[in-house]
Amino acid sequence: MKRNIVIATIAAAALIGGGTATALAVSGDEEAPAKKSDVRVSNDDTGRDDDAHVNDTDDNDADDRADDKADAAEDRAAKDSGEDAEDKAENAADAKLAQVDAADAIKAALKNTAGTAVSADLDDEGTKHVWAVDILTNGGAWHSVQVDPATGKVVGSHVDRDDDGDDAAETAQIRAALKGSSVTAAEAAEAGAAKGTVTSVDLDEESTDKAWGVDTTAPNGTGSDWRVDSGSGKITADRSND
């Protein structure tokens, strides 16, 4: 008597289950010896490596989201409030004139006059804009150096006179603020450039936390105020006016 035995189901079950199955292959001839067919599927999926990788990815994504949220909060806190459309348009136009950035303007000024740069401002001189860089020399004299924001060339320089007689006290206060500082005005400007076009850098000699004040302008004209720690170089929103 002939019988037909189908072993495909057994083999398939072994493959799906990830184990080993032994099936009997029976031919149509009853007297023919049965043949064993071993179907083995290696199943080494313990889930441990994949789970660990997924957990690491989730942790990294969570950290990135937290950092992005913190950066966004700093950006909002730094923005100037009360600016109207006209103010923003003027700010954007002024910022576009600064083809030479604040850091390079400071470096150019220091090549012209040796000393320590204490501030740099993009000023409107009536017919043109200039970078006005204030430098305190080692001898205690104050120099104002004007740098063309289009070319980076020094276009003027003069010694500031002590008309009101308070330069000595101000100089002493600034020297005290600079003591122990490892971040220069140019480096503070470079830190601020990550937030927008820098239009002003000034040493805040009256604060207790020793920092540089940096003003930036976004492409749409929105101004923001920042503080750059004079020791670490870390930039944060200026909340002094909150």
Protein backbone atom coordinates (compact mmCIF):
# COMPACT_ATOMS: atom_id res chain seq x y z
CA MET A 1 0.00 0.00 0.00
CA LYS A 2 1.35 3.45 -0.90
CA ARG A 3 1.02 6.49 1.33
CA ASN A 4 1.91 10.11 0.74
CA ILE A 5 3.32 11.92 3.77
CA VAL A 6 3.94 15.65 3.61
CA ILE A 7 6.78 16.88 5.81
CA ALA A 8 6.79 20.52 4.70
CA THR A 9 4.66 21.55 7.67
CA ILE A 10 7.13 20.06 10.13
CA ALA A 11 10.08 21.75 8.47
CA ALA A 12 8.30 25.06 8.37
CA ALA A 13 7.45 24.81 12.06
CA ALA A 14 11.08 24.19 12.85
CA LEU A 15 12.17 27.21 10.85
CA ILE A 16 9.66 29.53 12.51
CA GLY A 17 10.28 28.27 16.03
CA GLY A 18 14.02 28.56 15.69
CA GLY A 19 14.64 25.03 16.95
CA THR A 20 15.56 21.66 15.50
CA ALA A 21 13.09 19.23 14.03
CA THR A 22 13.58 15.68 12.85
CA ALA A 23 11.16 14.54 10.19
CA LEU A 24 10.65 11.15 8.58
CA ALA A 25 10.75 11.12 4.83
CA VAL A 26 8.62 8.18 3.74
CA SER A 27 8.53 7.11 0.15
CA GLY A 28 5.70 5.39 -1.57
CA ASP A 29 7.36 2.06 -0.93
CA GLU A 30 6.44 0.66 2.51
CA GLU A 31 9.58 -1.45 2.66
CA ALA A 32 11.99 1.38 1.91
CA PRO A 33 13.89 2.51 4.98
CA ALA A 34 12.84 5.76 6.47
CA LYS A 35 15.29 8.68 6.08
CA LYS A 36 15.83 11.27 8.72
CA SER A 37 15.93 14.91 7.71
CA ASP A 38 17.33 17.32 10.28
CA VAL A 39 16.17 20.92 9.94
CA ARG A 40 18.11 23.23 12.17
CA VAL A 41 17.72 26.98 12.54
CA SER A 42 20.12 28.92 14.65
CA ASN A 43 18.30 31.35 16.94
CA ASP A 44 20.79 33.56 18.78
CA ASP A 45 18.48 36.54 19.14
CA THR A 46 18.63 37.10 22.86
CA GLY A 47 17.48 40.70 22.46
CA ARG A 48 20.24 42.00 24.72
CA ASP A 49 22.42 43.82 22.15
CA ASP A 50 19.49 45.34 20.28
CA ASP A 51 17.82 46.44 23.49
CA ALA A 52 21.01 48.09 24.71
CA HIS A 53 21.46 49.88 21.39
CA VAL A 54 17.89 51.12 21.44
CA ASN A 55 18.26 52.36 25.00
CA ASP A 56 21.49 54.21 24.15
CA THR A 57 19.84 55.82 21.13
CA ASP A 58 16.84 56.88 23.19
CA ASP A 59 19.13 58.41 25.84
CA ASN A 60 21.10 60.32 23.21
CA ASP A 61 17.92 61.58 21.57
CA ALA A 62 16.60 62.73 24.95
CA ASP A 63 19.86 64.59 25.67
CA ASP A 64 19.76 66.25 22.24
CA ARG A 65 16.16 67.35 22.78
CA ALA A 66 17.04 68.76 26.19
CA ASP A 67 19.99 70.69 24.74
CA ASP A 68 17.85 72.06 21.90
CA LYS A 69 15.18 73.13 24.38
CA ALA A 70 17.75 74.89 26.56
CA ASP A 71 19.26 76.69 23.53
CA ALA A 72 15.81 77.82 22.40
CA ALA A 73 15.08 79.18 25.88
CA GLU A 74 18.35 81.12 25.85
CA ASP A 75 17.53 82.57 22.42
CA ARG A 76 14.12 83.75 23.61
CA ALA A 77 15.55 85.29 26.76
CA ALA A 78 18.24 87.16 24.81
CA LYS A 79 15.88 88.82 22.33
CA ASP A 80 15.24 92.52 22.75
CA SER A 81 11.62 93.30 23.54
CA GLY A 82 9.71 96.30 22.22
CA GLU A 83 11.35 96.45 18.81
CA ASP A 84 8.98 97.49 16.05
CA ALA A 85 9.25 96.81 12.33
CA GLU A 86 11.12 100.06 11.70
CA ASP A 87 13.71 99.26 14.37
CA LYS A 88 14.26 95.78 12.96
CA ALA A 89 14.66 97.11 9.42
CA GLU A 90 17.28 99.60 10.59
CA ASN A 91 19.10 96.95 12.62
CA ALA A 92 19.20 94.57 9.67
CA ALA A 93 20.53 97.28 7.35
CA ASP A 94 23.28 98.24 9.82
CA ALA A 95 24.30 94.62 10.36
CA LYS A 96 24.69 94.05 6.61
CA LEU A 97 27.32 96.81 6.53
CA ALA A 98 29.57 94.79 8.82
CA GLN A 99 31.35 92.81 6.11
CA VAL A 100 34.33 92.81 8.47
CA ASP A 101 33.11 91.28 11.71
CA ALA A 102 33.73 92.61 15.21
CA ALA A 103 36.53 90.17 16.01
CA ASP A 104 38.54 91.11 12.91
CA ALA A 105 37.91 94.83 13.51
CA ILE A 106 39.34 94.47 17.04
CA LYS A 107 42.40 92.64 15.73
CA ALA A 108 42.99 95.37 13.13
CA ALA A 109 42.70 98.08 15.79
CA LEU A 110 45.20 96.32 18.06
CA LYS A 111 47.72 96.12 15.21
CA ASN A 112 47.44 99.88 14.94
CA THR A 113 47.53 100.58 18.70
CA ALA A 114 48.98 98.14 21.23
CA GLY A 115 47.01 97.55 24.40
CA THR A 116 43.83 95.83 25.56
CA ALA A 117 40.60 96.21 23.61
CA VAL A 118 37.79 97.00 26.03
CA SER A 119 34.93 97.60 23.60
CA ALA A 120 33.97 97.62 19.93
CA ASP A 121 30.80 99.16 18.55
CA LEU A 122 29.41 99.48 15.04
CA ASP A 123 28.72 103.22 15.06
CA ASP A 124 26.95 105.50 12.63
CA GLU A 125 29.25 108.46 12.07
CA GLY A 126 26.66 110.33 10.04
CA THR A 127 27.85 109.70 6.51
CA LYS A 128 29.30 106.26 7.13
CA HIS A 129 29.55 103.45 9.64
CA VAL A 130 32.76 102.51 11.43
CA TRP A 131 33.87 100.05 14.04
CA ALA A 132 34.85 102.18 17.05
CA VAL A 133 37.31 100.20 19.15
CA ASP A 134 38.36 101.52 22.58
CA ILE A 135 41.84 100.43 23.66
CA LEU A 136 43.48 100.83 27.04
CA THR A 137 47.27 101.01 26.67
CA ASN A 138 49.71 99.62 29.20
CA GLY A 139 50.53 103.20 30.17
CA GLY A 140 46.91 103.90 31.06
CA ALA A 141 46.01 106.04 28.04
CA TRP A 142 42.72 105.55 26.19
CA HIS A 143 42.72 105.34 22.41
CA SER A 144 39.71 105.18 20.10
CA VAL A 145 40.46 103.46 16.80
CA GLN A 146 38.06 103.56 13.85
CA VAL A 147 37.99 100.59 11.47
CA ASP A 148 36.16 100.51 8.14
CA PRO A 149 33.56 97.69 8.36
CA ALA A 150 33.79 97.13 4.60
CA THR A 151 37.57 96.81 4.22
CA GLY A 152 38.96 96.24 7.71
CA LYS A 153 41.38 99.15 7.32
CA VAL A 154 42.03 101.64 10.11
CA VAL A 155 40.58 104.97 9.03
CA GLY A 156 41.19 107.02 12.18
CA SER A 157 42.62 107.03 15.69
CA HIS A 158 42.81 109.51 18.52
CA VAL A 159 43.57 109.71 22.23
CA ASP A 160 40.55 110.27 24.46
CA ARG A 161 40.90 113.25 26.76
CA ASP A 162 39.85 113.11 30.40
CA ASP A 163 37.44 116.02 30.26
CA ASP A 164 35.46 115.12 33.37
CA GLY A 165 38.36 113.89 35.47
CA ASP A 166 37.02 110.42 36.13
CA ASP A 167 39.24 108.42 33.78
CA ALA A 168 41.55 107.29 36.58
CA ALA A 169 38.73 105.74 38.58
CA GLU A 170 37.20 104.14 35.49
CA THR A 171 40.57 102.78 34.39
CA ALA A 172 41.15 101.22 37.81
CA GLN A 173 37.71 99.61 37.70
CA ILE A 174 38.32 98.19 34.23
CA ARG A 175 41.75 96.85 35.15
CA ALA A 176 40.17 95.09 38.14
CA ALA A 177 37.53 93.55 35.88
CA LEU A 178 40.18 92.38 33.42
CA LYS A 179 42.29 90.80 36.16
CA GLY A 180 42.17 87.05 35.83
CA SER A 181 40.24 87.23 32.56
CA SER A 182 41.27 84.67 29.95
CA VAL A 183 38.77 85.73 27.26
CA THR A 184 39.61 88.76 25.12
CA ALA A 185 37.17 91.13 23.45
CA ALA A 186 37.88 89.47 20.08
CA GLU A 187 37.18 86.01 21.54
CA ALA A 188 33.94 87.26 23.10
CA ALA A 189 32.93 88.59 19.68
CA GLU A 190 33.69 85.23 18.09
CA ALA A 191 31.50 83.51 20.68
CA GLY A 192 28.66 85.93 19.97
CA ALA A 193 28.96 85.42 16.21
CA ALA A 194 27.39 81.99 16.66
CA LYS A 195 24.18 83.78 17.65
CA GLY A 196 24.03 86.39 14.87
CA THR A 197 25.90 89.40 13.52
CA VAL A 198 27.78 91.04 16.38
CA THR A 199 27.26 94.80 16.51
CA SER A 200 28.74 95.55 19.92
CA VAL A 201 31.16 94.09 22.45
CA ASP A 202 31.73 95.79 25.81
CA LEU A 203 33.40 94.78 29.05
CA ASP A 204 30.89 94.93 31.88
CA GLU A 205 33.23 96.25 34.55
CA GLU A 206 30.42 96.98 36.99
CA SER A 207 29.10 93.42 37.28
CA THR A 208 30.34 90.96 39.85
CA ASP A 209 30.35 87.98 37.50
CA LYS A 210 33.02 89.41 35.14
CA ALA A 211 31.61 89.11 31.66
CA TRP A 212 31.55 90.70 28.23
CA GLY A 213 28.28 92.12 26.98
CA VAL A 214 27.62 91.20 23.34
CA ASP A 215 24.82 92.50 21.11
CA THR A 216 23.81 90.55 18.02
CA THR A 217 21.37 91.10 15.17
CA ALA A 218 19.51 88.33 13.34
CA PRO A 219 18.91 88.49 9.56
CA ASN A 220 15.36 89.74 10.20
CA GLY A 221 16.68 92.59 12.36
CA THR A 222 15.81 91.12 15.75
CA GLY A 223 18.39 92.17 18.32
CA SER A 224 19.61 89.96 21.16
CA ASP A 225 21.74 90.64 24.23
CA TRP A 226 24.29 88.10 25.45
CA ARG A 227 26.88 87.69 28.15
CA VAL A 228 30.18 85.90 27.58
CA ASP A 229 31.94 84.75 30.73
CA SER A 230 35.41 86.31 30.77
CA GLY A 231 36.87 83.19 32.35
CA SER A 232 35.21 80.27 30.61
CA GLY A 233 33.95 81.90 27.39
CA LYS A 234 30.48 80.43 27.94
CA ILE A 235 27.73 82.48 26.31
CA THR A 236 24.32 82.94 27.95
CA ALA A 237 21.38 85.26 27.53
CA ASP A 238 21.68 88.63 29.23
CA ARG A 239 18.83 88.64 31.75
CA SER A 240 19.89 91.80 33.55
CA ASN A 241 16.90 93.67 32.11
CA ASP A 242 14.32 90.94 32.85
